[in-house]
Amino acid sequence: MGDFRDSVEVSFVSNSSPFDYLIEDIQKLAEKFNFNHQQLSKIFDLSINELEDLLNRKGNITNKQQENIENKLTMLNFGFEGFDVKERVTLILNDLLSEYRLTTETLSKIINVKEKELIDFMKKQIIDTNVEMKICVNVIMLHFVLHHQNN
């Protein structure tokens, strides 16, 4: 009797790039928002040459660059449709509180609101629109400053 194999190897020869889906998504994004190569280069943190090589299937990108591009494509294409601003700010707020081990008291002082207002915002209670706006803008700016100082 012959030996049986547990697995089968199949290989395909193709002219396609492993990044075809990425290239297609970048091209769709460029069309959707009328982005030029300079804008795309800045958005994806690639040099113009790296971007053009990628789009022309000549270059290669690292796994980290690929992940960065995929994340940004997802957010730009789908991440802002119908999102709840307060929910997103609350996620960022919770991130700040846990990552930097801040208290609501400290955070409220940093963003210049009363601690009760911040807690009410986090509990999704109705607060003054100006205070809500102040919390949103200042939390986003604080997150930006803290995260970009580390990069």
C-alpha atoms as a PDB file:
ATOM      1  CA  MET A   1       0.000   0.000   0.000  1.00  0.00           C
ATOM      2  CA  GLY A   2       1.116   3.538  -0.717  1.00  0.00           C
ATOM      3  CA  ASP A   3       1.818   6.193   1.874  1.00  0.00           C
ATOM      4  CA  PHE A   4      -0.830   8.810   2.496  1.00  0.00           C
ATOM      5  CA  ARG A   5       0.097  12.429   2.958  1.00  0.00           C
ATOM      6  CA  ASP A   6      -1.630  14.548   5.578  1.00  0.00           C
ATOM      7  CA  SER A   7      -1.185  17.803   3.715  1.00  0.00           C
ATOM      8  CA  VAL A   8      -1.076  19.132   0.225  1.00  0.00           C
ATOM      9  CA  GLU A   9       1.124  21.940  -0.977  1.00  0.00           C
ATOM     10  CA  VAL A  10      -0.320  24.248  -3.563  1.00  0.00           C
ATOM     11  CA  SER A  11       1.498  27.159  -5.090  1.00  0.00           C
ATOM     12  CA  PHE A  12       0.292  29.725  -7.527  1.00  0.00           C
ATOM     13  CA  VAL A  13       2.304  31.930  -9.794  1.00  0.00           C
ATOM     14  CA  SER A  14       0.867  35.379 -10.088  1.00  0.00           C
ATOM     15  CA  ASN A  15       1.856  38.792 -11.321  1.00  0.00           C
ATOM     16  CA  SER A  16      -0.033  40.413  -8.484  1.00  0.00           C
ATOM     17  CA  SER A  17       1.613  42.136  -5.573  1.00  0.00           C
ATOM     18  CA  PRO A  18       0.921  41.046  -2.000  1.00  0.00           C
ATOM     19  CA  PHE A  19      -0.162  44.654  -1.517  1.00  0.00           C
ATOM     20  CA  ASP A  20      -2.753  44.772  -4.319  1.00  0.00           C
ATOM     21  CA  TYR A  21      -5.611  45.211  -1.860  1.00  0.00           C
ATOM     22  CA  LEU A  22      -3.693  48.033  -0.179  1.00  0.00           C
ATOM     23  CA  ILE A  23      -2.953  49.746  -3.479  1.00  0.00           C
ATOM     24  CA  GLU A  24      -6.596  49.475  -4.488  1.00  0.00           C
ATOM     25  CA  ASP A  25      -7.746  50.942  -1.158  1.00  0.00           C
ATOM     26  CA  ILE A  26      -5.239  53.810  -1.427  1.00  0.00           C
ATOM     27  CA  GLN A  27      -6.447  54.587  -4.943  1.00  0.00           C
ATOM     28  CA  LYS A  28     -10.095  54.541  -3.786  1.00  0.00           C
ATOM     29  CA  LEU A  29      -9.234  56.875  -0.913  1.00  0.00           C
ATOM     30  CA  ALA A  30      -7.412  59.245  -3.266  1.00  0.00           C
ATOM     31  CA  GLU A  31     -10.441  59.342  -5.566  1.00  0.00           C
ATOM     32  CA  LYS A  32     -12.954  59.690  -2.740  1.00  0.00           C
ATOM     33  CA  PHE A  33     -11.221  62.703  -1.172  1.00  0.00           C
ATOM     34  CA  ASN A  34      -9.289  63.983  -4.198  1.00  0.00           C
ATOM     35  CA  PHE A  35      -5.909  63.402  -2.481  1.00  0.00           C
ATOM     36  CA  ASN A  36      -2.727  63.898  -4.468  1.00  0.00           C
ATOM     37  CA  HIS A  37       0.490  61.909  -3.976  1.00  0.00           C
ATOM     38  CA  GLN A  38       2.019  64.558  -1.735  1.00  0.00           C
ATOM     39  CA  GLN A  39      -0.991  64.428   0.603  1.00  0.00           C
ATOM     40  CA  LEU A  40      -1.048  60.617   0.599  1.00  0.00           C
ATOM     41  CA  SER A  41       2.670  60.548   1.282  1.00  0.00           C
ATOM     42  CA  LYS A  42       2.213  62.704   4.373  1.00  0.00           C
ATOM     43  CA  ILE A  43      -0.900  60.835   5.554  1.00  0.00           C
ATOM     44  CA  PHE A  44       0.795  57.424   5.310  1.00  0.00           C
ATOM     45  CA  ASP A  45       4.207  58.624   6.489  1.00  0.00           C
ATOM     46  CA  LEU A  46       5.930  57.440   3.322  1.00  0.00           C
ATOM     47  CA  SER A  47       8.286  59.364   1.100  1.00  0.00           C
ATOM     48  CA  ILE A  48       6.887  60.295  -2.314  1.00  0.00           C
ATOM     49  CA  ASN A  49       9.212  57.696  -3.858  1.00  0.00           C
ATOM     50  CA  GLU A  50       8.065  54.955  -1.453  1.00  0.00           C
ATOM     51  CA  LEU A  51       4.429  55.773  -2.164  1.00  0.00           C
ATOM     52  CA  GLU A  52       4.911  55.827  -5.939  1.00  0.00           C
ATOM     53  CA  ASP A  53       6.929  52.593  -5.838  1.00  0.00           C
ATOM     54  CA  LEU A  54       4.162  50.957  -3.812  1.00  0.00           C
ATOM     55  CA  LEU A  55       1.448  52.194  -6.172  1.00  0.00           C
ATOM     56  CA  ASN A  56       3.490  51.011  -9.179  1.00  0.00           C
ATOM     57  CA  ARG A  57       4.114  47.611  -7.531  1.00  0.00           C
ATOM     58  CA  LYS A  58       7.860  48.199  -7.566  1.00  0.00           C
ATOM     59  CA  GLY A  59       8.658  48.819  -3.948  1.00  0.00           C
ATOM     60  CA  ASN A  60       8.227  47.076  -0.677  1.00  0.00           C
ATOM     61  CA  ILE A  61       7.078  48.315   2.693  1.00  0.00           C
ATOM     62  CA  THR A  62       7.693  47.028   6.184  1.00  0.00           C
ATOM     63  CA  ASN A  63       5.051  45.286   8.249  1.00  0.00           C
ATOM     64  CA  LYS A  64       4.908  48.347  10.495  1.00  0.00           C
ATOM     65  CA  GLN A  65       4.317  50.640   7.495  1.00  0.00           C
ATOM     66  CA  GLN A  66       1.657  48.267   6.176  1.00  0.00           C
ATOM     67  CA  GLU A  67      -0.141  48.229   9.535  1.00  0.00           C
ATOM     68  CA  ASN A  68       0.021  52.030   9.754  1.00  0.00           C
ATOM     69  CA  ILE A  69      -1.433  52.403   6.249  1.00  0.00           C
ATOM     70  CA  GLU A  70      -4.188  49.853   6.923  1.00  0.00           C
ATOM     71  CA  ASN A  71      -5.197  51.599  10.155  1.00  0.00           C
ATOM     72  CA  LYS A  72      -5.329  55.005   8.514  1.00  0.00           C
ATOM     73  CA  LEU A  73      -7.222  53.679   5.492  1.00  0.00           C
ATOM     74  CA  THR A  74      -9.822  52.123   7.772  1.00  0.00           C
ATOM     75  CA  MET A  75     -10.287  55.288   9.785  1.00  0.00           C
ATOM     76  CA  LEU A  76     -10.409  57.591   6.771  1.00  0.00           C
ATOM     77  CA  ASN A  77     -12.729  55.360   4.768  1.00  0.00           C
ATOM     78  CA  PHE A  78     -15.049  54.129   7.500  1.00  0.00           C
ATOM     79  CA  GLY A  79     -14.118  55.491  10.920  1.00  0.00           C
ATOM     80  CA  PHE A  80     -15.940  58.796  10.923  1.00  0.00           C
ATOM     81  CA  GLU A  81     -19.260  57.744   9.467  1.00  0.00           C
ATOM     82  CA  GLY A  82     -21.951  58.092  12.074  1.00  0.00           C
ATOM     83  CA  PHE A  83     -19.616  58.109  15.034  1.00  0.00           C
ATOM     84  CA  ASP A  84     -20.640  59.453  18.386  1.00  0.00           C
ATOM     85  CA  VAL A  85     -18.235  62.226  19.364  1.00  0.00           C
ATOM     86  CA  LYS A  86     -18.850  61.883  23.091  1.00  0.00           C
ATOM     87  CA  GLU A  87     -18.250  58.145  22.927  1.00  0.00           C
ATOM     88  CA  ARG A  88     -14.921  58.608  21.178  1.00  0.00           C
ATOM     89  CA  VAL A  89     -13.816  61.309  23.595  1.00  0.00           C
ATOM     90  CA  THR A  90     -14.796  59.077  26.510  1.00  0.00           C
ATOM     91  CA  LEU A  91     -12.597  56.310  25.076  1.00  0.00           C
ATOM     92  CA  ILE A  92      -9.678  58.739  24.812  1.00  0.00           C
ATOM     93  CA  LEU A  93     -10.432  60.031  28.299  1.00  0.00           C
ATOM     94  CA  ASN A  94     -10.410  56.509  29.724  1.00  0.00           C
ATOM     95  CA  ASP A  95      -7.149  55.842  27.905  1.00  0.00           C
ATOM     96  CA  LEU A  96      -5.577  58.925  29.491  1.00  0.00           C
ATOM     97  CA  LEU A  97      -6.820  57.950  32.925  1.00  0.00           C
ATOM     98  CA  SER A  98      -5.492  54.399  32.717  1.00  0.00           C
ATOM     99  CA  GLU A  99      -2.319  54.844  30.646  1.00  0.00           C
ATOM    100  CA  TYR A 100      -1.006  57.824  32.602  1.00  0.00           C
ATOM    101  CA  ARG A 101      -2.652  56.754  35.871  1.00  0.00           C
ATOM    102  CA  LEU A 102      -4.383  60.095  36.195  1.00  0.00           C
ATOM    103  CA  THR A 103      -7.254  60.715  38.550  1.00  0.00           C
ATOM    104  CA  THR A 104     -10.379  62.576  37.486  1.00  0.00           C
ATOM    105  CA  GLU A 105      -9.291  65.316  39.895  1.00  0.00           C
ATOM    106  CA  THR A 106      -5.916  65.727  38.185  1.00  0.00           C
ATOM    107  CA  LEU A 107      -7.352  65.435  34.711  1.00  0.00           C
ATOM    108  CA  SER A 108     -10.051  68.001  35.439  1.00  0.00           C
ATOM    109  CA  LYS A 109      -7.347  70.444  36.589  1.00  0.00           C
ATOM    110  CA  ILE A 110      -5.281  69.824  33.456  1.00  0.00           C
ATOM    111  CA  ILE A 111      -8.214  70.387  31.090  1.00  0.00           C
ATOM    112  CA  ASN A 112      -9.569  73.231  33.221  1.00  0.00           C
ATOM    113  CA  VAL A 113     -13.046  71.959  34.140  1.00  0.00           C
ATOM    114  CA  LYS A 114     -14.630  71.044  37.447  1.00  0.00           C
ATOM    115  CA  GLU A 115     -14.172  67.439  38.478  1.00  0.00           C
ATOM    116  CA  LYS A 116     -17.944  66.980  38.822  1.00  0.00           C
ATOM    117  CA  GLU A 117     -18.411  68.180  35.216  1.00  0.00           C
ATOM    118  CA  LEU A 118     -15.856  65.668  34.010  1.00  0.00           C
ATOM    119  CA  ILE A 119     -17.458  62.840  35.977  1.00  0.00           C
ATOM    120  CA  ASP A 120     -20.913  63.829  34.716  1.00  0.00           C
ATOM    121  CA  PHE A 121     -19.573  63.819  31.151  1.00  0.00           C
ATOM    122  CA  MET A 122     -18.121  60.340  31.671  1.00  0.00           C
ATOM    123  CA  LYS A 123     -21.469  59.139  33.079  1.00  0.00           C
ATOM    124  CA  LYS A 124     -23.197  60.509  29.959  1.00  0.00           C
ATOM    125  CA  GLN A 125     -25.232  62.976  31.962  1.00  0.00           C
ATOM    126  CA  ILE A 126     -26.421  66.191  30.378  1.00  0.00           C
ATOM    127  CA  ILE A 127     -23.999  69.047  30.982  1.00  0.00           C
ATOM    128  CA  ASP A 128     -23.591  72.553  29.608  1.00  0.00           C
ATOM    129  CA  THR A 129     -22.676  72.480  25.904  1.00  0.00           C
ATOM    130  CA  ASN A 130     -19.729  74.837  26.406  1.00  0.00           C
ATOM    131  CA  VAL A 131     -18.315  72.608  29.147  1.00  0.00           C
ATOM    132  CA  GLU A 132     -18.853  69.552  26.968  1.00  0.00           C
ATOM    133  CA  MET A 133     -17.008  71.225  24.107  1.00  0.00           C
ATOM    134  CA  LYS A 134     -14.185  72.253  26.440  1.00  0.00           C
ATOM    135  CA  ILE A 135     -13.829  68.683  27.696  1.00  0.00           C
ATOM    136  CA  CYS A 136     -13.821  67.246  24.167  1.00  0.00           C
ATOM    137  CA  VAL A 137     -11.298  69.662  22.725  1.00  0.00           C
ATOM    138  CA  ASN A 138      -8.971  69.629  25.725  1.00  0.00           C
ATOM    139  CA  VAL A 139      -9.007  65.841  26.121  1.00  0.00           C
ATOM    140  CA  ILE A 140      -8.167  65.392  22.443  1.00  0.00           C
ATOM    141  CA  MET A 141      -5.398  67.997  22.633  1.00  0.00           C
ATOM    142  CA  LEU A 142      -3.958  66.449  25.796  1.00  0.00           C
ATOM    143  CA  HIS A 143      -3.987  63.024  24.182  1.00  0.00           C
ATOM    144  CA  PHE A 144      -2.261  64.448  21.109  1.00  0.00           C
ATOM    145  CA  VAL A 145       0.417  66.233  23.156  1.00  0.00           C
ATOM    146  CA  LEU A 146       1.180  63.254  25.394  1.00  0.00           C
ATOM    147  CA  HIS A 147       1.312  60.754  22.546  1.00  0.00           C
ATOM    148  CA  HIS A 148       3.319  62.899  20.148  1.00  0.00           C
ATOM    149  CA  GLN A 149       5.879  63.805  22.777  1.00  0.00           C
ATOM    150  CA  ASN A 150       6.621  60.085  23.098  1.00  0.00           C
ATOM    151  CA  ASN A 151       7.139  59.524  19.368  1.00  0.00           C
END
